[in-house]
Structures are given as C-alpha cells and as structure tokens.
Amino acid sequence: MLKSEEKLSDDQKTIKKVIYFSGIGLHSGDHGNVKIKPSTVDTGITFIRTDLSKDNIIKAHWSNVTSTKLCTTISNKNNVSVSTIEHLMSALSGMHIDNAIIEIDSSEMPIMDGSAKPFVKLIEKAGIENQIKKRKYLKVLKDVIVENDQGSACIRPNNQFSINLEIDFPCSVIDKQSCQLKMINGNYKQDISEARTFGFEEEVESLRNSGFALGGDLTNAVVVGKDRILNKEGLRYKDEFVRHKILDSIGDLYLAGYPILGFFEGIKSGHKLNNELLKKLLSDKNNWSLVN
C-alpha cells in the first residue's frame, strides 16, 4: 500500500507561468505544439484547438467524452476534439491544478515519454499559484458500480481520494498485478507519475493497420514481447503496468470537474468503465455533494 498523510490543500491552484512543449501523438503520429496558461478561479480545465479559428473550445468534462478506444477523447458540440488527454489530466490532478487553459494546434496531445513525468516537471518549473478561493471537492455519498464483460469499476464514500486497481493479462511478463494508493499531494509524483503506457509487440502491426499507435515507439511506451520487455532500460517500477493504469484512471476521473473524495476500485477497468462510472455517479444528485 502506498501512503501519504499530507493534508489536503484548501485553496484553488493554477500555474504561475506559461508552459510550452511539443511532441508527437501516440496514435495519430501528428506533431503538436502545446501552451498551458494560467486561468482564473472556478474555470476548471479548458482545451482550445488553436489550429482552428472558431468553435474550438472544449471543456475537460466527463460529459464531453466521445471516445474511450485506447485513449480518452473529448469533443465539443461542433465535433472538434482532442484525444489522449488522460496523462496530462492525471498530472494536473496529481499536482492539484484546478484551473488552466490548454492550447494545442493538433487533435492529439503529445505522448512525451508515455508517462505523466514530463508534465509534472513542467508544472513544477512553472510554479504553482494559490488562488483566493477555496477548492471544492466532489464528495461521494453512496456506492456506485459499473461493470462489463472485461471488468468493473466502483467508487465508495471516503474522506480522501484513494484508489485500488487490479489488472490481469494472459502474459507472463505482466500477469496479475494490484496496487493501492492514497492520492494526497506528494506521493503522486514519486509513486505514479513515471509509469509509462504499454503495449504488446504482437499487436503493433494490427494497431497501425487500424490507424492507432502510429507515433508509438520504445521512447514513449513499454513494449512487451512474448517473454520479455523490449525496452533496454527495463521498467521504472516493478509493477509499472498497474501503476500506469492508476495514472490513467486518475486522469479520467479528474473529468468529474472537481477533485473527488472517494475510494475508487477498478478490476481490469479502463477508459470506458471510468467514464461510465462518472456518468452513473453524477446522474443522481443523491450520490454526491460539493464540499469545501
């Protein structure tokens, strides 16, 4: 179990300075330039497609999720979208950034090294600014569960955000892994942010023929062969695979629009179940309340 006992911050936060970075999209292979700017209180996270002149604003919100196939994609009512947002959203959540404007001139976020570590470093370099308004938290009041043929996702009442995830792959290199984390400011950076996305060597050709993983390589993903990891540097964590799934889940759940006070448990869950869980949780106001 991974633990941290630091207290929750009461103030909303944004970044102090503008952040710039660029890179290729994991699935599209397209190059994108990104600028993250500070934003005012209560504005949340907003994406702006700067390669388009109008109808280019997309709020980072669960109701705007339009695809969960291999990544999380959000779109506005004009079908303008940004995909693979989960790693950046995870970093923003882990670093307690409430308000930011993300400008991008491509339809897919750069994959960077496949983890959230580059984003965490950029946020730290820019600095974090406390804002003159208290944070609001989405407090879970009742157990909510969703499930499908592959797995399940559940969220229960809790006084802080905790997560427990289990994965199980028919592959000796990964097999069955589980990890539990109390996500309080401090341990996200060390215990989760460096975990990279991963894929299987035997699936690469099929994915690329379907228009996915066109920008993927050993510099931005862990590639699993039949009986070994193909990356020469090996793994960053002994259980890097399940930790990356936690990283993804943290990003997906931040689309609630607020930091969550609840215990999330996923068993072979993914982007689809994470979004379905938010839909079910937030569809009934008896399931949650906003607290300071």
C-alpha atoms as a PDB file:
ATOM      1  CA  MET A   1       0.000   0.000   0.000  1.00  0.00           C
ATOM      2  CA  LEU A   2       1.280   3.455  -0.875  1.00  0.00           C
ATOM      3  CA  LYS A   3       0.549   6.103   1.699  1.00  0.00           C
ATOM      4  CA  SER A   4       0.951   9.790   2.370  1.00  0.00           C
ATOM      5  CA  GLU A   5      -0.517  11.695   5.281  1.00  0.00           C
ATOM      6  CA  GLU A   6      -0.114  15.265   3.996  1.00  0.00           C
ATOM      7  CA  LYS A   7      -3.176  17.466   4.444  1.00  0.00           C
ATOM      8  CA  LEU A   8      -5.380  18.473   1.559  1.00  0.00           C
ATOM      9  CA  SER A   9      -4.791  21.986   0.262  1.00  0.00           C
ATOM     10  CA  ASP A  10      -7.731  24.333   0.782  1.00  0.00           C
ATOM     11  CA  ASP A  11      -7.000  26.839  -1.981  1.00  0.00           C
ATOM     12  CA  GLN A  12      -7.669  26.503  -5.702  1.00  0.00           C
ATOM     13  CA  LYS A  13      -4.495  26.467  -7.761  1.00  0.00           C
ATOM     14  CA  THR A  14      -3.246  27.378 -11.205  1.00  0.00           C
ATOM     15  CA  ILE A  15       0.228  27.624 -12.729  1.00  0.00           C
ATOM     16  CA  LYS A  16       2.381  30.729 -12.223  1.00  0.00           C
ATOM     17  CA  LYS A  17       3.966  30.860 -15.680  1.00  0.00           C
ATOM     18  CA  VAL A  18       3.002  29.740 -19.163  1.00  0.00           C
ATOM     19  CA  ILE A  19       4.194  26.238 -20.113  1.00  0.00           C
ATOM     20  CA  TYR A  20       5.313  25.323 -23.641  1.00  0.00           C
ATOM     21  CA  PHE A  21       6.020  21.864 -25.040  1.00  0.00           C
ATOM     22  CA  SER A  22       5.625  19.870 -28.238  1.00  0.00           C
ATOM     23  CA  GLY A  23       5.770  16.303 -29.474  1.00  0.00           C
ATOM     24  CA  ILE A  24       4.010  13.622 -31.472  1.00  0.00           C
ATOM     25  CA  GLY A  25       0.685  11.959 -30.773  1.00  0.00           C
ATOM     26  CA  LEU A  26       0.845   8.290 -29.795  1.00  0.00           C
ATOM     27  CA  HIS A  27      -1.921   7.191 -32.148  1.00  0.00           C
ATOM     28  CA  SER A  28      -2.016   9.801 -34.926  1.00  0.00           C
ATOM     29  CA  GLY A  29       1.745  10.303 -35.186  1.00  0.00           C
ATOM     30  CA  ASP A  30       0.973  14.000 -35.751  1.00  0.00           C
ATOM     31  CA  HIS A  31       3.175  16.712 -34.263  1.00  0.00           C
ATOM     32  CA  GLY A  32       1.520  19.081 -31.810  1.00  0.00           C
ATOM     33  CA  ASN A  33       2.539  22.296 -30.064  1.00  0.00           C
ATOM     34  CA  VAL A  34       1.011  22.949 -26.653  1.00  0.00           C
ATOM     35  CA  LYS A  35       0.775  26.029 -24.456  1.00  0.00           C
ATOM     36  CA  ILE A  36      -0.669  25.773 -20.937  1.00  0.00           C
ATOM     37  CA  LYS A  37      -1.743  29.100 -19.463  1.00  0.00           C
ATOM     38  CA  PRO A  38      -2.909  30.142 -16.002  1.00  0.00           C
ATOM     39  CA  SER A  39      -6.652  30.526 -15.582  1.00  0.00           C
ATOM     40  CA  THR A  40      -8.934  32.256 -13.092  1.00  0.00           C
ATOM     41  CA  VAL A  41     -10.805  30.616 -10.215  1.00  0.00           C
ATOM     42  CA  ASP A  42     -13.724  28.284 -10.920  1.00  0.00           C
ATOM     43  CA  THR A  43     -12.871  27.945 -14.628  1.00  0.00           C
ATOM     44  CA  GLY A  44     -11.546  24.399 -14.443  1.00  0.00           C
ATOM     45  CA  ILE A  45      -9.511  22.839 -17.242  1.00  0.00           C
ATOM     46  CA  THR A  46     -10.230  24.053 -20.779  1.00  0.00           C
ATOM     47  CA  PHE A  47      -8.715  22.893 -24.087  1.00  0.00           C
ATOM     48  CA  ILE A  48      -8.525  25.226 -27.088  1.00  0.00           C
ATOM     49  CA  ARG A  49      -7.670  23.981 -30.596  1.00  0.00           C
ATOM     50  CA  THR A  50      -5.542  26.876 -31.886  1.00  0.00           C
ATOM     51  CA  ASP A  51      -5.291  25.350 -35.380  1.00  0.00           C
ATOM     52  CA  LEU A  52      -8.973  26.205 -35.779  1.00  0.00           C
ATOM     53  CA  SER A  53     -10.358  29.739 -35.911  1.00  0.00           C
ATOM     54  CA  LYS A  54     -13.796  29.115 -34.396  1.00  0.00           C
ATOM     55  CA  ASP A  55     -15.818  26.610 -32.358  1.00  0.00           C
ATOM     56  CA  ASN A  56     -12.507  25.437 -30.925  1.00  0.00           C
ATOM     57  CA  ILE A  57     -13.111  25.383 -27.150  1.00  0.00           C
ATOM     58  CA  ILE A  58     -13.573  22.062 -25.327  1.00  0.00           C
ATOM     59  CA  LYS A  59     -14.163  21.806 -21.595  1.00  0.00           C
ATOM     60  CA  ALA A  60     -12.406  18.937 -19.853  1.00  0.00           C
ATOM     61  CA  HIS A  61     -15.562  17.281 -18.565  1.00  0.00           C
ATOM     62  CA  TRP A  62     -16.916  13.732 -18.437  1.00  0.00           C
ATOM     63  CA  SER A  63     -19.976  14.736 -20.481  1.00  0.00           C
ATOM     64  CA  ASN A  64     -17.699  15.731 -23.373  1.00  0.00           C
ATOM     65  CA  VAL A  65     -16.030  12.325 -23.659  1.00  0.00           C
ATOM     66  CA  THR A  66     -16.819  10.954 -27.127  1.00  0.00           C
ATOM     67  CA  SER A  67     -14.399   8.034 -27.414  1.00  0.00           C
ATOM     68  CA  THR A  68     -12.615   5.741 -24.991  1.00  0.00           C
ATOM     69  CA  LYS A  69     -10.961   3.440 -27.526  1.00  0.00           C
ATOM     70  CA  LEU A  70      -7.302   3.102 -26.456  1.00  0.00           C
ATOM     71  CA  CYS A  71      -7.384   6.645 -25.012  1.00  0.00           C
ATOM     72  CA  THR A  72      -9.779   9.312 -23.778  1.00  0.00           C
ATOM     73  CA  THR A  73     -11.102  11.808 -26.338  1.00  0.00           C
ATOM     74  CA  ILE A  74     -13.199  14.878 -25.565  1.00  0.00           C
ATOM     75  CA  SER A  75     -15.213  16.850 -28.137  1.00  0.00           C
ATOM     76  CA  ASN A  76     -17.440  19.906 -28.262  1.00  0.00           C
ATOM     77  CA  LYS A  77     -20.861  20.159 -29.914  1.00  0.00           C
ATOM     78  CA  ASN A  78     -19.156  21.006 -33.232  1.00  0.00           C
ATOM     79  CA  ASN A  79     -17.241  17.695 -33.187  1.00  0.00           C
ATOM     80  CA  VAL A  80     -13.915  19.438 -32.551  1.00  0.00           C
ATOM     81  CA  SER A  81     -11.872  17.045 -30.442  1.00  0.00           C
ATOM     82  CA  VAL A  82      -8.657  16.439 -28.532  1.00  0.00           C
ATOM     83  CA  SER A  83      -7.554  12.888 -27.814  1.00  0.00           C
ATOM     84  CA  THR A  84      -5.147  11.155 -25.423  1.00  0.00           C
ATOM     85  CA  ILE A  85      -5.729  13.781 -22.742  1.00  0.00           C
ATOM     86  CA  GLU A  86      -5.566  11.351 -19.804  1.00  0.00           C
ATOM     87  CA  HIS A  87      -1.846  11.679 -18.996  1.00  0.00           C
ATOM     88  CA  LEU A  88      -1.928  15.476 -18.810  1.00  0.00           C
ATOM     89  CA  MET A  89      -5.218  15.397 -16.875  1.00  0.00           C
ATOM     90  CA  SER A  90      -3.606  12.939 -14.477  1.00  0.00           C
ATOM     91  CA  ALA A  91      -0.637  15.255 -13.915  1.00  0.00           C
ATOM     92  CA  LEU A  92      -2.953  18.239 -13.346  1.00  0.00           C
ATOM     93  CA  SER A  93      -4.911  16.205 -10.806  1.00  0.00           C
ATOM     94  CA  GLY A  94      -1.795  14.846  -9.107  1.00  0.00           C
ATOM     95  CA  MET A  95      -0.301  18.341  -8.825  1.00  0.00           C
ATOM     96  CA  HIS A  96      -3.652  19.800  -7.636  1.00  0.00           C
ATOM     97  CA  ILE A  97      -4.052  22.224 -10.542  1.00  0.00           C
ATOM     98  CA  ASP A  98      -7.704  23.298 -10.578  1.00  0.00           C
ATOM     99  CA  ASN A  99      -7.695  25.912 -13.329  1.00  0.00           C
ATOM    100  CA  ALA A 100      -5.730  26.011 -16.599  1.00  0.00           C
ATOM    101  CA  ILE A 101      -6.148  26.769 -20.294  1.00  0.00           C
ATOM    102  CA  ILE A 102      -4.511  24.261 -22.657  1.00  0.00           C
ATOM    103  CA  GLU A 103      -3.927  25.499 -26.197  1.00  0.00           C
ATOM    104  CA  ILE A 104      -2.991  22.872 -28.791  1.00  0.00           C
ATOM    105  CA  ASP A 105      -2.617  23.035 -32.572  1.00  0.00           C
ATOM    106  CA  SER A 106      -3.342  19.350 -33.151  1.00  0.00           C
ATOM    107  CA  SER A 107      -6.122  16.857 -32.465  1.00  0.00           C
ATOM    108  CA  GLU A 108      -3.991  14.715 -30.147  1.00  0.00           C
ATOM    109  CA  MET A 109      -1.933  15.562 -27.078  1.00  0.00           C
ATOM    110  CA  PRO A 110       1.786  14.741 -27.433  1.00  0.00           C
ATOM    111  CA  ILE A 111       2.618  11.448 -25.758  1.00  0.00           C
ATOM    112  CA  MET A 112       6.010  12.685 -24.488  1.00  0.00           C
ATOM    113  CA  ASP A 113       7.714   9.682 -22.809  1.00  0.00           C
ATOM    114  CA  GLY A 114       4.429   7.805 -22.296  1.00  0.00           C
ATOM    115  CA  SER A 115       4.030   8.859 -18.674  1.00  0.00           C
ATOM    116  CA  ALA A 116       2.969  11.979 -16.757  1.00  0.00           C
ATOM    117  CA  LYS A 117       6.503  12.721 -15.553  1.00  0.00           C
ATOM    118  CA  PRO A 118       7.300  15.362 -18.232  1.00  0.00           C
ATOM    119  CA  PHE A 119       4.094  17.245 -17.379  1.00  0.00           C
ATOM    120  CA  VAL A 120       4.842  17.132 -13.647  1.00  0.00           C
ATOM    121  CA  LYS A 121       8.321  18.547 -14.268  1.00  0.00           C
ATOM    122  CA  LEU A 122       6.931  21.336 -16.455  1.00  0.00           C
ATOM    123  CA  ILE A 123       4.323  22.244 -13.818  1.00  0.00           C
ATOM    124  CA  GLU A 124       6.999  22.316 -11.116  1.00  0.00           C
ATOM    125  CA  LYS A 125       9.234  24.531 -13.264  1.00  0.00           C
ATOM    126  CA  ALA A 126       6.376  26.941 -13.993  1.00  0.00           C
ATOM    127  CA  GLY A 127       5.414  27.090 -10.346  1.00  0.00           C
ATOM    128  CA  ILE A 128       2.040  26.640  -8.662  1.00  0.00           C
ATOM    129  CA  GLU A 129      -0.025  29.630  -7.587  1.00  0.00           C
ATOM    130  CA  ASN A 130      -2.533  29.545  -4.762  1.00  0.00           C
ATOM    131  CA  GLN A 131      -5.712  31.389  -5.704  1.00  0.00           C
ATOM    132  CA  ILE A 132      -8.003  33.420  -3.484  1.00  0.00           C
ATOM    133  CA  LYS A 133     -10.847  30.942  -3.351  1.00  0.00           C
ATOM    134  CA  LYS A 134     -11.311  27.608  -1.628  1.00  0.00           C
ATOM    135  CA  ARG A 135     -11.259  24.359  -3.546  1.00  0.00           C
ATOM    136  CA  LYS A 136     -14.487  22.463  -3.972  1.00  0.00           C
ATOM    137  CA  TYR A 137     -14.438  18.693  -3.675  1.00  0.00           C
ATOM    138  CA  LEU A 138     -16.894  16.196  -5.097  1.00  0.00           C
ATOM    139  CA  LYS A 139     -17.725  14.040  -2.086  1.00  0.00           C
ATOM    140  CA  VAL A 140     -19.091  10.577  -2.852  1.00  0.00           C
ATOM    141  CA  LEU A 141     -22.116   9.759  -0.683  1.00  0.00           C
ATOM    142  CA  LYS A 142     -23.140   6.310  -1.954  1.00  0.00           C
ATOM    143  CA  ASP A 143     -21.532   3.253  -3.506  1.00  0.00           C
ATOM    144  CA  VAL A 144     -21.699   3.344  -7.299  1.00  0.00           C
ATOM    145  CA  ILE A 145     -20.568   0.466  -9.518  1.00  0.00           C
ATOM    146  CA  VAL A 146     -20.428  -0.263 -13.244  1.00  0.00           C
ATOM    147  CA  GLU A 147     -19.263  -3.444 -14.909  1.00  0.00           C
ATOM    148  CA  ASN A 148     -18.950  -5.204 -18.246  1.00  0.00           C
ATOM    149  CA  ASP A 149     -17.577  -8.469 -19.615  1.00  0.00           C
ATOM    150  CA  GLN A 150     -13.987  -7.338 -19.070  1.00  0.00           C
ATOM    151  CA  GLY A 151     -14.084  -5.856 -15.576  1.00  0.00           C
ATOM    152  CA  SER A 152     -15.666  -3.427 -13.123  1.00  0.00           C
ATOM    153  CA  ALA A 153     -15.232  -0.001 -11.585  1.00  0.00           C
ATOM    154  CA  CYS A 154     -16.656   1.143  -8.280  1.00  0.00           C
ATOM    155  CA  ILE A 155     -16.480   4.275  -6.148  1.00  0.00           C
ATOM    156  CA  ARG A 156     -17.411   4.431  -2.475  1.00  0.00           C
ATOM    157  CA  PRO A 157     -17.600   7.145   0.193  1.00  0.00           C
ATOM    158  CA  ASN A 158     -14.230   8.071   1.721  1.00  0.00           C
ATOM    159  CA  ASN A 159     -12.740  11.136   3.415  1.00  0.00           C
ATOM    160  CA  GLN A 160      -9.955  11.444   0.833  1.00  0.00           C
ATOM    161  CA  PHE A 161      -9.231  10.166  -2.668  1.00  0.00           C
ATOM    162  CA  SER A 162      -7.882   6.620  -2.630  1.00  0.00           C
ATOM    163  CA  ILE A 163      -7.537   4.157  -5.464  1.00  0.00           C
ATOM    164  CA  ASN A 164      -7.127   0.409  -5.684  1.00  0.00           C
ATOM    165  CA  LEU A 165      -6.560  -1.176  -9.081  1.00  0.00           C
ATOM    166  CA  GLU A 166      -6.087  -4.726 -10.293  1.00  0.00           C
ATOM    167  CA  ILE A 167      -5.047  -5.869 -13.755  1.00  0.00           C
ATOM    168  CA  ASP A 168      -4.737  -9.347 -15.186  1.00  0.00           C
ATOM    169  CA  PHE A 169      -3.168 -10.103 -18.578  1.00  0.00           C
ATOM    170  CA  PRO A 170      -2.599 -13.554 -20.146  1.00  0.00           C
ATOM    171  CA  CYS A 171       1.089 -12.721 -20.389  1.00  0.00           C
ATOM    172  CA  SER A 172       3.824 -13.965 -18.056  1.00  0.00           C
ATOM    173  CA  VAL A 173       5.627 -10.614 -18.166  1.00  0.00           C
ATOM    174  CA  ILE A 174       2.616  -8.785 -16.664  1.00  0.00           C
ATOM    175  CA  ASP A 175       0.306 -11.476 -15.259  1.00  0.00           C
ATOM    176  CA  LYS A 176      -1.800 -10.244 -12.326  1.00  0.00           C
ATOM    177  CA  GLN A 177      -0.865  -7.010 -10.548  1.00  0.00           C
ATOM    178  CA  SER A 178      -2.589  -4.829  -7.969  1.00  0.00           C
ATOM    179  CA  CYS A 179      -1.735  -1.550  -6.293  1.00  0.00           C
ATOM    180  CA  GLN A 180      -3.426   0.723  -3.786  1.00  0.00           C
ATOM    181  CA  LEU A 181      -2.712   4.416  -3.345  1.00  0.00           C
ATOM    182  CA  LYS A 182      -3.929   7.251  -1.175  1.00  0.00           C
ATOM    183  CA  MET A 183      -3.515  10.187  -3.550  1.00  0.00           C
ATOM    184  CA  ILE A 184      -2.537  13.076  -1.331  1.00  0.00           C
ATOM    185  CA  ASN A 185      -0.274  15.824  -2.637  1.00  0.00           C
ATOM    186  CA  GLY A 186       3.253  14.464  -2.600  1.00  0.00           C
ATOM    187  CA  ASN A 187       3.184  10.774  -3.449  1.00  0.00           C
ATOM    188  CA  TYR A 188       1.701  11.065  -6.950  1.00  0.00           C
ATOM    189  CA  LYS A 189       4.990  12.367  -8.342  1.00  0.00           C
ATOM    190  CA  GLN A 190       7.109   9.623  -6.829  1.00  0.00           C
ATOM    191  CA  ASP A 191       4.793   6.643  -6.992  1.00  0.00           C
ATOM    192  CA  ILE A 192       2.646   7.106 -10.111  1.00  0.00           C
ATOM    193  CA  SER A 193       3.745   9.883 -12.491  1.00  0.00           C
ATOM    194  CA  GLU A 194       6.687   7.990 -14.045  1.00  0.00           C
ATOM    195  CA  ALA A 195       4.683   4.900 -15.064  1.00  0.00           C
ATOM    196  CA  ARG A 196       4.570   4.627 -18.863  1.00  0.00           C
ATOM    197  CA  THR A 197       1.885   3.441 -21.223  1.00  0.00           C
ATOM    198  CA  PHE A 198       2.455  -0.046 -22.582  1.00  0.00           C
ATOM    199  CA  GLY A 199       1.565  -2.296 -25.472  1.00  0.00           C
ATOM    200  CA  PHE A 200       2.273  -5.718 -26.887  1.00  0.00           C
ATOM    201  CA  GLU A 201       4.712  -6.416 -29.705  1.00  0.00           C
ATOM    202  CA  GLU A 202       2.330  -8.900 -31.308  1.00  0.00           C
ATOM    203  CA  GLU A 203      -0.408  -6.229 -31.580  1.00  0.00           C
ATOM    204  CA  VAL A 204       1.659  -3.388 -33.100  1.00  0.00           C
ATOM    205  CA  GLU A 205       1.060  -4.244 -36.762  1.00  0.00           C
ATOM    206  CA  SER A 206      -2.673  -4.728 -36.252  1.00  0.00           C
ATOM    207  CA  LEU A 207      -2.989  -1.456 -34.330  1.00  0.00           C
ATOM    208  CA  ARG A 208      -1.151   0.505 -37.001  1.00  0.00           C
ATOM    209  CA  ASN A 209      -3.256  -1.036 -39.748  1.00  0.00           C
ATOM    210  CA  SER A 210      -6.277   0.267 -37.810  1.00  0.00           C
ATOM    211  CA  GLY A 211      -4.819   3.771 -37.529  1.00  0.00           C
ATOM    212  CA  PHE A 212      -3.543   3.501 -33.958  1.00  0.00           C
ATOM    213  CA  ALA A 213      -0.042   3.605 -32.408  1.00  0.00           C
ATOM    214  CA  LEU A 214       1.332   5.421 -35.466  1.00  0.00           C
ATOM    215  CA  GLY A 215       3.542   7.557 -33.215  1.00  0.00           C
ATOM    216  CA  GLY A 216       4.466   4.829 -30.763  1.00  0.00           C
ATOM    217  CA  ASP A 217       7.996   3.519 -30.252  1.00  0.00           C
ATOM    218  CA  LEU A 218      10.354   2.429 -27.489  1.00  0.00           C
ATOM    219  CA  THR A 219      10.914   6.044 -26.418  1.00  0.00           C
ATOM    220  CA  ASN A 220       7.280   6.609 -25.442  1.00  0.00           C
ATOM    221  CA  ALA A 221       5.894   3.203 -24.474  1.00  0.00           C
ATOM    222  CA  VAL A 222       6.873  -0.014 -22.757  1.00  0.00           C
ATOM    223  CA  VAL A 223       6.669  -2.745 -25.386  1.00  0.00           C
ATOM    224  CA  VAL A 224       6.019  -6.251 -24.111  1.00  0.00           C
ATOM    225  CA  GLY A 225       7.377  -9.165 -26.133  1.00  0.00           C
ATOM    226  CA  LYS A 226       6.470 -12.802 -25.737  1.00  0.00           C
ATOM    227  CA  ASP A 227       8.605 -13.313 -22.665  1.00  0.00           C
ATOM    228  CA  ARG A 228      10.459 -10.046 -22.047  1.00  0.00           C
ATOM    229  CA  ILE A 229      10.356  -6.255 -22.043  1.00  0.00           C
ATOM    230  CA  LEU A 230      11.837  -4.915 -25.295  1.00  0.00           C
ATOM    231  CA  ASN A 231      12.932  -1.570 -23.796  1.00  0.00           C
ATOM    232  CA  LYS A 232      16.644  -1.779 -22.986  1.00  0.00           C
ATOM    233  CA  GLU A 233      16.281   0.321 -19.846  1.00  0.00           C
ATOM    234  CA  GLY A 234      13.659  -2.044 -18.426  1.00  0.00           C
ATOM    235  CA  LEU A 235      10.887  -0.938 -16.097  1.00  0.00           C
ATOM    236  CA  ARG A 236      10.735   2.159 -13.892  1.00  0.00           C
ATOM    237  CA  TYR A 237       8.700   0.316 -11.257  1.00  0.00           C
ATOM    238  CA  LYS A 238       8.468  -3.405 -10.626  1.00  0.00           C
ATOM    239  CA  ASP A 239       4.705  -3.098 -11.131  1.00  0.00           C
ATOM    240  CA  GLU A 240       4.805  -0.289 -13.710  1.00  0.00           C
ATOM    241  CA  PHE A 241       1.877  -1.719 -15.669  1.00  0.00           C
ATOM    242  CA  VAL A 242      -0.730  -1.427 -12.920  1.00  0.00           C
ATOM    243  CA  ARG A 243       0.700   1.919 -11.828  1.00  0.00           C
ATOM    244  CA  HIS A 244       0.162   3.261 -15.332  1.00  0.00           C
ATOM    245  CA  LYS A 245      -3.445   2.103 -15.202  1.00  0.00           C
ATOM    246  CA  ILE A 246      -3.772   4.065 -11.952  1.00  0.00           C
ATOM    247  CA  LEU A 247      -2.239   7.076 -13.722  1.00  0.00           C
ATOM    248  CA  ASP A 248      -4.854   6.750 -16.488  1.00  0.00           C
ATOM    249  CA  SER A 249      -7.699   6.376 -14.006  1.00  0.00           C
ATOM    250  CA  ILE A 250      -6.663   9.476 -12.068  1.00  0.00           C
ATOM    251  CA  GLY A 251      -6.737  11.450 -15.323  1.00  0.00           C
ATOM    252  CA  ASP A 252     -10.095  10.044 -16.395  1.00  0.00           C
ATOM    253  CA  LEU A 253     -11.691  10.701 -13.009  1.00  0.00           C
ATOM    254  CA  TYR A 254     -10.483  14.314 -12.984  1.00  0.00           C
ATOM    255  CA  LEU A 255     -13.036  14.856 -15.743  1.00  0.00           C
ATOM    256  CA  ALA A 256     -15.587  14.949 -12.922  1.00  0.00           C
ATOM    257  CA  GLY A 257     -14.749  18.656 -12.882  1.00  0.00           C
ATOM    258  CA  TYR A 258     -13.601  18.591  -9.258  1.00  0.00           C
ATOM    259  CA  PRO A 259     -11.179  16.561  -7.164  1.00  0.00           C
ATOM    260  CA  ILE A 260     -13.007  13.556  -5.750  1.00  0.00           C
ATOM    261  CA  LEU A 261     -13.319  12.465  -2.139  1.00  0.00           C
ATOM    262  CA  GLY A 262     -13.978   8.764  -2.518  1.00  0.00           C
ATOM    263  CA  PHE A 263     -12.444   5.313  -2.779  1.00  0.00           C
ATOM    264  CA  PHE A 264     -12.136   4.110  -6.384  1.00  0.00           C
ATOM    265  CA  GLU A 265     -11.669   0.415  -7.082  1.00  0.00           C
ATOM    266  CA  GLY A 266     -11.061  -0.929 -10.565  1.00  0.00           C
ATOM    267  CA  ILE A 267     -10.789  -4.560 -11.584  1.00  0.00           C
ATOM    268  CA  LYS A 268      -9.490  -4.787 -15.154  1.00  0.00           C
ATOM    269  CA  SER A 269     -11.118  -1.417 -15.782  1.00  0.00           C
ATOM    270  CA  GLY A 270     -10.131   1.136 -18.416  1.00  0.00           C
ATOM    271  CA  HIS A 271     -11.155   4.424 -20.019  1.00  0.00           C
ATOM    272  CA  LYS A 272     -14.646   3.185 -20.949  1.00  0.00           C
ATOM    273  CA  LEU A 273     -15.592   1.974 -17.477  1.00  0.00           C
ATOM    274  CA  ASN A 274     -14.034   5.044 -15.858  1.00  0.00           C
ATOM    275  CA  ASN A 275     -16.277   7.306 -17.920  1.00  0.00           C
ATOM    276  CA  GLU A 276     -19.343   5.151 -17.373  1.00  0.00           C
ATOM    277  CA  LEU A 277     -18.691   5.307 -13.634  1.00  0.00           C
ATOM    278  CA  LEU A 278     -18.616   9.116 -13.681  1.00  0.00           C
ATOM    279  CA  LYS A 279     -21.824   9.185 -15.727  1.00  0.00           C
ATOM    280  CA  LYS A 280     -23.609   6.950 -13.243  1.00  0.00           C
ATOM    281  CA  LEU A 281     -22.198   8.726 -10.185  1.00  0.00           C
ATOM    282  CA  LEU A 282     -23.124  12.207 -11.365  1.00  0.00           C
ATOM    283  CA  SER A 283     -26.504  11.327 -12.919  1.00  0.00           C
ATOM    284  CA  ASP A 284     -28.079  11.146  -9.444  1.00  0.00           C
ATOM    285  CA  LYS A 285     -27.529  14.062  -7.072  1.00  0.00           C
ATOM    286  CA  ASN A 286     -28.138  11.736  -4.134  1.00  0.00           C
ATOM    287  CA  ASN A 287     -24.800  10.083  -4.962  1.00  0.00           C
ATOM    288  CA  TRP A 288     -22.626  13.125  -4.304  1.00  0.00           C
ATOM    289  CA  SER A 289     -22.295  16.617  -2.899  1.00  0.00           C
ATOM    290  CA  LEU A 290     -19.891  19.530  -3.316  1.00  0.00           C
ATOM    291  CA  VAL A 291     -17.921  20.431  -0.191  1.00  0.00           C
ATOM    292  CA  ASN A 292     -15.098  22.825   0.649  1.00  0.00           C
END
